[in-house]
Amino acid sequence: MQFKRAILLATSVFTLSICVSGCGNESNANNKSSSSQISSVKKQEAQIVGSYRDDADGAAITLNSDGTGTYVMANPTQADIHDQLTWKKEKNNYIINLNDSNYDTPIDARLNEDNLSLVGNDEWPNQSFTRVHGDFDIDSFLKEQHAKTNSSTTKDTHSKESSTHARAALKKWASDHHKDTSKIDSLKATTDLSEPDEGWAFVDDNGTEYAIVRNGKVYPRPVIDGDTSSN
């Protein structure tokens, strides 16, 4: 009888030890899986950290590892855009929020190797940036952009805002006036104006003029609005 009890006790202890060991292994596996997922997210977040420049529009963006950053754009006719921002990883893309009362809609950012794209929305035009390898100073970048603008100005013309500035102004005007903003990104910006004045004309593929933007002011054409009054 005592022998049977001893066998039963030994079997129970052995079974309990297997259960504890198995549960421990499962817990360790779950912990490793969770740690691996966190590590993967942090690695993806780290990929976007750095500075990027868009010389065509005179813009640059710096994204810090703590989820903050800075966006700048040189403007030859008005004050430069110089906004602080926050960013975060979301699914396959990144979301950028500018600390700017004029642009309160989150911006979708997509990274493809060294190319960063800001996808346009109702308030923001599409923009393409290239990663900067090495040191980057935002103030020096802005000075460089202004120097380029000044050197390209002829004696008969004045510096004017970039087409990106003008498109952003047009999108904001359309949003504020409850107009359809979906087509604005596809419009062509041209200086071949129907009126001889500085600014940008936005036309479709058929040459129909939707609006003229001069120094941040929007002059809508009948196709987009009922009159030609400024904003």
C-alpha atoms as a PDB file:
ATOM      1  CA  MET A   1       0.000   0.000   0.000  1.00  0.00           C
ATOM      2  CA  GLN A   2       2.820   2.351   0.912  1.00  0.00           C
ATOM      3  CA  PHE A   3       4.581   1.400  -2.314  1.00  0.00           C
ATOM      4  CA  LYS A   4       1.477   2.325  -4.367  1.00  0.00           C
ATOM      5  CA  ARG A   5       1.228   5.661  -2.549  1.00  0.00           C
ATOM      6  CA  ALA A   6       4.869   6.352  -3.296  1.00  0.00           C
ATOM      7  CA  ILE A   7       4.349   5.578  -6.996  1.00  0.00           C
ATOM      8  CA  LEU A   8       1.227   7.810  -7.092  1.00  0.00           C
ATOM      9  CA  LEU A   9       3.063  10.664  -5.374  1.00  0.00           C
ATOM     10  CA  ALA A  10       6.000  10.406  -7.735  1.00  0.00           C
ATOM     11  CA  THR A  11       3.676  10.400 -10.750  1.00  0.00           C
ATOM     12  CA  SER A  12       1.814  13.461  -9.483  1.00  0.00           C
ATOM     13  CA  VAL A  13       5.053  15.366  -8.881  1.00  0.00           C
ATOM     14  CA  PHE A  14       6.321  14.458 -12.366  1.00  0.00           C
ATOM     15  CA  THR A  15       3.032  15.541 -14.015  1.00  0.00           C
ATOM     16  CA  LEU A  16       3.047  18.831 -12.087  1.00  0.00           C
ATOM     17  CA  SER A  17       6.632  19.553 -13.083  1.00  0.00           C
ATOM     18  CA  ILE A  18       5.798  19.002 -16.773  1.00  0.00           C
ATOM     19  CA  CYS A  19       2.806  21.350 -16.503  1.00  0.00           C
ATOM     20  CA  VAL A  20       4.844  24.052 -14.801  1.00  0.00           C
ATOM     21  CA  SER A  21       7.613  23.666 -17.340  1.00  0.00           C
ATOM     22  CA  GLY A  22       5.162  23.791 -20.249  1.00  0.00           C
ATOM     23  CA  CYS A  23       3.355  26.846 -18.907  1.00  0.00           C
ATOM     24  CA  GLY A  24       6.679  28.534 -18.320  1.00  0.00           C
ATOM     25  CA  ASN A  25       7.808  27.829 -21.876  1.00  0.00           C
ATOM     26  CA  GLU A  26       4.495  29.149 -23.264  1.00  0.00           C
ATOM     27  CA  SER A  27       4.833  32.304 -21.184  1.00  0.00           C
ATOM     28  CA  ASN A  28       8.407  32.809 -22.359  1.00  0.00           C
ATOM     29  CA  ALA A  29       7.322  32.288 -25.963  1.00  0.00           C
ATOM     30  CA  ASN A  30       4.549  34.883 -25.584  1.00  0.00           C
ATOM     31  CA  ASN A  31       6.983  37.333 -23.992  1.00  0.00           C
ATOM     32  CA  LYS A  32       9.485  36.806 -26.813  1.00  0.00           C
ATOM     33  CA  SER A  33       6.752  37.276 -29.446  1.00  0.00           C
ATOM     34  CA  SER A  34       5.570  40.494 -27.778  1.00  0.00           C
ATOM     35  CA  SER A  35       9.136  41.783 -27.505  1.00  0.00           C
ATOM     36  CA  SER A  36       9.747  40.928 -31.150  1.00  0.00           C
ATOM     37  CA  GLN A  37       6.651  42.882 -32.249  1.00  0.00           C
ATOM     38  CA  ILE A  38       7.674  45.921 -30.195  1.00  0.00           C
ATOM     39  CA  SER A  39      11.185  45.729 -31.622  1.00  0.00           C
ATOM     40  CA  SER A  40       9.797  45.537 -35.169  1.00  0.00           C
ATOM     41  CA  VAL A  41       7.623  48.640 -34.645  1.00  0.00           C
ATOM     42  CA  LYS A  42      10.537  50.598 -33.169  1.00  0.00           C
ATOM     43  CA  LYS A  43      12.725  49.562 -36.099  1.00  0.00           C
ATOM     44  CA  GLN A  44      10.107  50.787 -38.567  1.00  0.00           C
ATOM     45  CA  GLU A  45       9.772  54.061 -36.661  1.00  0.00           C
ATOM     46  CA  ALA A  46      13.537  54.534 -36.685  1.00  0.00           C
ATOM     47  CA  GLN A  47      13.645  54.204 -40.483  1.00  0.00           C
ATOM     48  CA  ILE A  48      11.972  57.575 -41.025  1.00  0.00           C
ATOM     49  CA  VAL A  49      14.089  59.509 -38.514  1.00  0.00           C
ATOM     50  CA  GLY A  50      16.280  62.070 -40.252  1.00  0.00           C
ATOM     51  CA  SER A  51      16.162  65.161 -42.468  1.00  0.00           C
ATOM     52  CA  TYR A  52      14.708  65.482 -45.963  1.00  0.00           C
ATOM     53  CA  ARG A  53      14.742  68.289 -48.529  1.00  0.00           C
ATOM     54  CA  ASP A  54      12.605  69.300 -51.501  1.00  0.00           C
ATOM     55  CA  ASP A  55      14.618  71.807 -53.517  1.00  0.00           C
ATOM     56  CA  ALA A  56      11.911  72.186 -56.154  1.00  0.00           C
ATOM     57  CA  ASP A  57       9.593  73.765 -53.578  1.00  0.00           C
ATOM     58  CA  GLY A  58      12.234  75.133 -51.223  1.00  0.00           C
ATOM     59  CA  ALA A  59      10.975  72.922 -48.399  1.00  0.00           C
ATOM     60  CA  ALA A  60      12.597  70.669 -45.827  1.00  0.00           C
ATOM     61  CA  ILE A  61      11.455  68.447 -42.986  1.00  0.00           C
ATOM     62  CA  THR A  62      13.286  66.971 -40.004  1.00  0.00           C
ATOM     63  CA  LEU A  63      11.815  64.052 -38.046  1.00  0.00           C
ATOM     64  CA  ASN A  64      13.299  63.295 -34.621  1.00  0.00           C
ATOM     65  CA  SER A  65      13.386  59.949 -32.829  1.00  0.00           C
ATOM     66  CA  ASP A  66      11.103  61.247 -30.042  1.00  0.00           C
ATOM     67  CA  GLY A  67       8.171  61.807 -32.431  1.00  0.00           C
ATOM     68  CA  THR A  68       8.749  65.550 -32.880  1.00  0.00           C
ATOM     69  CA  GLY A  69      10.149  67.483 -35.818  1.00  0.00           C
ATOM     70  CA  THR A  70      10.227  70.641 -37.916  1.00  0.00           C
ATOM     71  CA  TYR A  71       8.831  71.590 -41.313  1.00  0.00           C
ATOM     72  CA  VAL A  72      10.061  74.662 -43.215  1.00  0.00           C
ATOM     73  CA  MET A  73       9.419  76.219 -46.605  1.00  0.00           C
ATOM     74  CA  ALA A  74      11.131  79.288 -48.027  1.00  0.00           C
ATOM     75  CA  ASN A  75       8.704  81.925 -49.301  1.00  0.00           C
ATOM     76  CA  PRO A  76      10.126  84.825 -51.351  1.00  0.00           C
ATOM     77  CA  THR A  77       7.053  87.046 -50.946  1.00  0.00           C
ATOM     78  CA  GLN A  78       5.816  86.318 -47.421  1.00  0.00           C
ATOM     79  CA  ALA A  79       7.163  84.952 -44.146  1.00  0.00           C
ATOM     80  CA  ASP A  80       8.741  81.516 -44.380  1.00  0.00           C
ATOM     81  CA  ILE A  81       6.757  78.565 -43.078  1.00  0.00           C
ATOM     82  CA  HIS A  82       8.544  77.297 -39.972  1.00  0.00           C
ATOM     83  CA  ASP A  83       6.331  74.817 -38.104  1.00  0.00           C
ATOM     84  CA  GLN A  84       6.944  72.373 -35.304  1.00  0.00           C
ATOM     85  CA  LEU A  85       5.306  68.978 -35.761  1.00  0.00           C
ATOM     86  CA  THR A  86       4.665  65.569 -34.271  1.00  0.00           C
ATOM     87  CA  TRP A  87       4.695  62.250 -36.113  1.00  0.00           C
ATOM     88  CA  LYS A  88       3.793  58.633 -35.461  1.00  0.00           C
ATOM     89  CA  LYS A  89       3.818  55.265 -37.215  1.00  0.00           C
ATOM     90  CA  GLU A  90       0.400  54.062 -38.332  1.00  0.00           C
ATOM     91  CA  LYS A  91       0.046  50.737 -40.200  1.00  0.00           C
ATOM     92  CA  ASN A  92       2.203  50.974 -43.324  1.00  0.00           C
ATOM     93  CA  ASN A  93       2.591  54.757 -43.330  1.00  0.00           C
ATOM     94  CA  TYR A  94       3.311  57.653 -40.996  1.00  0.00           C
ATOM     95  CA  ILE A  95       1.037  60.456 -39.811  1.00  0.00           C
ATOM     96  CA  ILE A  96       2.372  64.004 -39.449  1.00  0.00           C
ATOM     97  CA  ASN A  97       0.565  66.740 -37.527  1.00  0.00           C
ATOM     98  CA  LEU A  98       1.772  70.307 -38.036  1.00  0.00           C
ATOM     99  CA  ASN A  99       1.510  72.795 -35.199  1.00  0.00           C
ATOM    100  CA  ASP A 100      -0.068  75.316 -37.570  1.00  0.00           C
ATOM    101  CA  SER A 101      -3.568  76.772 -37.277  1.00  0.00           C
ATOM    102  CA  ASN A 102      -3.791  77.047 -41.079  1.00  0.00           C
ATOM    103  CA  TYR A 103      -3.250  73.307 -41.578  1.00  0.00           C
ATOM    104  CA  ASP A 104      -5.017  71.231 -38.953  1.00  0.00           C
ATOM    105  CA  THR A 105      -5.582  68.100 -41.052  1.00  0.00           C
ATOM    106  CA  PRO A 106      -3.119  65.215 -40.414  1.00  0.00           C
ATOM    107  CA  ILE A 107      -0.760  64.597 -43.338  1.00  0.00           C
ATOM    108  CA  ASP A 108      -0.123  61.086 -44.638  1.00  0.00           C
ATOM    109  CA  ALA A 109       3.622  60.455 -45.121  1.00  0.00           C
ATOM    110  CA  ARG A 110       5.083  57.506 -47.020  1.00  0.00           C
ATOM    111  CA  LEU A 111       8.703  56.387 -47.005  1.00  0.00           C
ATOM    112  CA  ASN A 112      10.332  54.516 -49.890  1.00  0.00           C
ATOM    113  CA  GLU A 113      14.014  54.045 -49.111  1.00  0.00           C
ATOM    114  CA  ASP A 114      15.410  57.613 -49.171  1.00  0.00           C
ATOM    115  CA  ASN A 115      12.284  59.198 -50.665  1.00  0.00           C
ATOM    116  CA  LEU A 116       9.630  60.699 -48.397  1.00  0.00           C
ATOM    117  CA  SER A 117       6.248  61.663 -49.868  1.00  0.00           C
ATOM    118  CA  LEU A 118       3.652  63.852 -48.194  1.00  0.00           C
ATOM    119  CA  VAL A 119       0.295  62.887 -49.666  1.00  0.00           C
ATOM    120  CA  GLY A 120      -1.996  65.815 -50.363  1.00  0.00           C
ATOM    121  CA  ASN A 121      -5.348  66.366 -48.698  1.00  0.00           C
ATOM    122  CA  ASP A 122      -7.937  69.151 -48.654  1.00  0.00           C
ATOM    123  CA  GLU A 123      -5.382  71.570 -47.183  1.00  0.00           C
ATOM    124  CA  TRP A 124      -2.021  70.261 -48.371  1.00  0.00           C
ATOM    125  CA  PRO A 125      -0.514  69.589 -51.825  1.00  0.00           C
ATOM    126  CA  ASN A 126       1.582  66.539 -52.690  1.00  0.00           C
ATOM    127  CA  GLN A 127       5.279  66.940 -51.913  1.00  0.00           C
ATOM    128  CA  SER A 128       8.344  64.752 -52.506  1.00  0.00           C
ATOM    129  CA  PHE A 129      11.486  64.896 -50.360  1.00  0.00           C
ATOM    130  CA  THR A 130      14.897  63.232 -50.545  1.00  0.00           C
ATOM    131  CA  ARG A 131      16.800  62.123 -47.445  1.00  0.00           C
ATOM    132  CA  VAL A 132      19.813  64.193 -46.432  1.00  0.00           C
ATOM    133  CA  HIS A 133      22.883  62.125 -45.591  1.00  0.00           C
ATOM    134  CA  GLY A 134      25.107  63.920 -43.099  1.00  0.00           C
ATOM    135  CA  ASP A 135      24.590  67.121 -41.131  1.00  0.00           C
ATOM    136  CA  PHE A 136      21.649  69.359 -41.987  1.00  0.00           C
ATOM    137  CA  ASP A 137      20.893  72.848 -40.702  1.00  0.00           C
ATOM    138  CA  ILE A 138      17.400  74.217 -41.403  1.00  0.00           C
ATOM    139  CA  ASP A 139      18.374  77.893 -41.156  1.00  0.00           C
ATOM    140  CA  SER A 140      21.224  77.387 -43.623  1.00  0.00           C
ATOM    141  CA  PHE A 141      18.832  75.579 -45.958  1.00  0.00           C
ATOM    142  CA  LEU A 142      16.380  78.500 -45.932  1.00  0.00           C
ATOM    143  CA  LYS A 143      19.178  80.985 -46.629  1.00  0.00           C
ATOM    144  CA  GLU A 144      20.312  78.806 -49.517  1.00  0.00           C
ATOM    145  CA  GLN A 145      16.804  78.739 -51.000  1.00  0.00           C
ATOM    146  CA  HIS A 146      16.436  82.518 -50.749  1.00  0.00           C
ATOM    147  CA  ALA A 147      19.848  83.000 -52.360  1.00  0.00           C
ATOM    148  CA  LYS A 148      18.784  80.785 -55.274  1.00  0.00           C
ATOM    149  CA  THR A 149      15.543  82.742 -55.687  1.00  0.00           C
ATOM    150  CA  ASN A 150      17.331  86.093 -55.622  1.00  0.00           C
ATOM    151  CA  SER A 151      19.945  84.989 -58.152  1.00  0.00           C
ATOM    152  CA  SER A 152      17.294  83.785 -60.593  1.00  0.00           C
ATOM    153  CA  THR A 153      15.232  86.986 -60.419  1.00  0.00           C
ATOM    154  CA  THR A 154      15.510  89.080 -63.583  1.00  0.00           C
ATOM    155  CA  LYS A 155      15.373  92.874 -63.767  1.00  0.00           C
ATOM    156  CA  ASP A 156      11.804  92.812 -65.134  1.00  0.00           C
ATOM    157  CA  THR A 157      10.221  90.387 -62.701  1.00  0.00           C
ATOM    158  CA  HIS A 158       9.750  90.082 -58.964  1.00  0.00           C
ATOM    159  CA  SER A 159      10.226  87.031 -56.788  1.00  0.00           C
ATOM    160  CA  LYS A 160       6.999  85.148 -56.470  1.00  0.00           C
ATOM    161  CA  GLU A 161       5.707  82.319 -54.380  1.00  0.00           C
ATOM    162  CA  SER A 162       6.323  78.745 -55.465  1.00  0.00           C
ATOM    163  CA  SER A 163       3.599  76.774 -57.200  1.00  0.00           C
ATOM    164  CA  THR A 164       3.350  74.621 -54.059  1.00  0.00           C
ATOM    165  CA  HIS A 165       2.559  77.691 -51.950  1.00  0.00           C
ATOM    166  CA  ALA A 166      -0.016  78.752 -54.501  1.00  0.00           C
ATOM    167  CA  ARG A 167      -1.594  75.305 -54.690  1.00  0.00           C
ATOM    168  CA  ALA A 168      -1.808  75.128 -50.888  1.00  0.00           C
ATOM    169  CA  ALA A 169      -3.515  78.541 -50.847  1.00  0.00           C
ATOM    170  CA  LEU A 170      -5.979  77.366 -53.506  1.00  0.00           C
ATOM    171  CA  LYS A 171      -6.790  74.164 -51.605  1.00  0.00           C
ATOM    172  CA  LYS A 172      -7.344  76.097 -48.377  1.00  0.00           C
ATOM    173  CA  TRP A 173      -9.589  78.600 -50.191  1.00  0.00           C
ATOM    174  CA  ALA A 174     -11.603  75.758 -51.735  1.00  0.00           C
ATOM    175  CA  SER A 175     -11.954  74.014 -48.371  1.00  0.00           C
ATOM    176  CA  ASP A 176     -12.985  77.245 -46.609  1.00  0.00           C
ATOM    177  CA  HIS A 177     -15.567  77.964 -49.317  1.00  0.00           C
ATOM    178  CA  HIS A 178     -16.909  74.396 -49.394  1.00  0.00           C
ATOM    179  CA  LYS A 179     -15.697  73.736 -52.920  1.00  0.00           C
ATOM    180  CA  ASP A 180     -14.523  70.410 -54.336  1.00  0.00           C
ATOM    181  CA  THR A 181     -10.813  70.073 -53.533  1.00  0.00           C
ATOM    182  CA  SER A 182     -10.295  66.627 -55.060  1.00  0.00           C
ATOM    183  CA  LYS A 183      -9.294  67.943 -58.505  1.00  0.00           C
ATOM    184  CA  ILE A 184      -6.832  70.610 -57.422  1.00  0.00           C
ATOM    185  CA  ASP A 185      -3.834  68.265 -57.215  1.00  0.00           C
ATOM    186  CA  SER A 186      -4.345  67.274 -60.860  1.00  0.00           C
ATOM    187  CA  LEU A 187      -4.464  70.886 -62.115  1.00  0.00           C
ATOM    188  CA  LYS A 188      -1.403  72.230 -63.882  1.00  0.00           C
ATOM    189  CA  ALA A 189       0.249  75.344 -62.419  1.00  0.00           C
ATOM    190  CA  THR A 190       1.442  77.711 -65.130  1.00  0.00           C
ATOM    191  CA  THR A 191       2.663  81.291 -65.449  1.00  0.00           C
ATOM    192  CA  ASP A 192       1.045  81.634 -68.876  1.00  0.00           C
ATOM    193  CA  LEU A 193      -1.717  83.832 -67.480  1.00  0.00           C
ATOM    194  CA  SER A 194      -4.773  85.243 -69.152  1.00  0.00           C
ATOM    195  CA  GLU A 195      -3.932  88.468 -67.315  1.00  0.00           C
ATOM    196  CA  PRO A 196      -0.417  89.975 -67.432  1.00  0.00           C
ATOM    197  CA  ASP A 197       0.463  89.916 -63.758  1.00  0.00           C
ATOM    198  CA  GLU A 198       2.608  87.900 -61.393  1.00  0.00           C
ATOM    199  CA  GLY A 199       1.053  84.718 -60.074  1.00  0.00           C
ATOM    200  CA  TRP A 200       0.075  81.182 -60.960  1.00  0.00           C
ATOM    201  CA  ALA A 201      -2.809  80.014 -63.113  1.00  0.00           C
ATOM    202  CA  PHE A 202      -4.267  76.572 -62.406  1.00  0.00           C
ATOM    203  CA  VAL A 203      -5.641  74.883 -65.506  1.00  0.00           C
ATOM    204  CA  ASP A 204      -6.949  71.427 -66.388  1.00  0.00           C
ATOM    205  CA  ASP A 205      -5.804  69.221 -69.279  1.00  0.00           C
ATOM    206  CA  ASN A 206      -8.108  71.092 -71.652  1.00  0.00           C
ATOM    207  CA  GLY A 207      -6.609  74.450 -70.729  1.00  0.00           C
ATOM    208  CA  THR A 208      -9.645  75.592 -68.723  1.00  0.00           C
ATOM    209  CA  GLU A 209      -8.524  78.087 -66.116  1.00  0.00           C
ATOM    210  CA  TYR A 210      -9.845  77.270 -62.634  1.00  0.00           C
ATOM    211  CA  ALA A 211      -8.179  80.013 -60.610  1.00  0.00           C
ATOM    212  CA  ILE A 212      -5.276  82.425 -60.386  1.00  0.00           C
ATOM    213  CA  VAL A 213      -3.259  82.721 -57.199  1.00  0.00           C
ATOM    214  CA  ARG A 214      -1.143  85.816 -56.559  1.00  0.00           C
ATOM    215  CA  ASN A 215       0.794  86.267 -53.344  1.00  0.00           C
ATOM    216  CA  GLY A 216      -1.555  84.002 -51.424  1.00  0.00           C
ATOM    217  CA  LYS A 217      -4.750  85.544 -52.827  1.00  0.00           C
ATOM    218  CA  VAL A 218      -7.095  83.336 -54.803  1.00  0.00           C
ATOM    219  CA  TYR A 219      -8.983  84.676 -57.826  1.00  0.00           C
ATOM    220  CA  PRO A 220     -11.473  81.921 -58.755  1.00  0.00           C
ATOM    221  CA  ARG A 221     -12.783  81.596 -62.278  1.00  0.00           C
ATOM    222  CA  PRO A 222     -16.480  80.918 -63.069  1.00  0.00           C
ATOM    223  CA  VAL A 223     -15.786  77.222 -63.553  1.00  0.00           C
ATOM    224  CA  ILE A 224     -14.946  76.889 -59.857  1.00  0.00           C
ATOM    225  CA  ASP A 225     -16.968  79.737 -58.436  1.00  0.00           C
ATOM    226  CA  GLY A 226     -19.769  82.074 -59.484  1.00  0.00           C
ATOM    227  CA  ASP A 227     -17.609  85.195 -59.639  1.00  0.00           C
ATOM    228  CA  THR A 228     -13.997  86.370 -59.797  1.00  0.00           C
ATOM    229  CA  SER A 229     -13.728  88.020 -56.414  1.00  0.00           C
ATOM    230  CA  SER A 230     -10.613  87.484 -54.340  1.00  0.00           C
ATOM    231  CA  ASN A 231     -10.542  85.604 -51.036  1.00  0.00           C
END
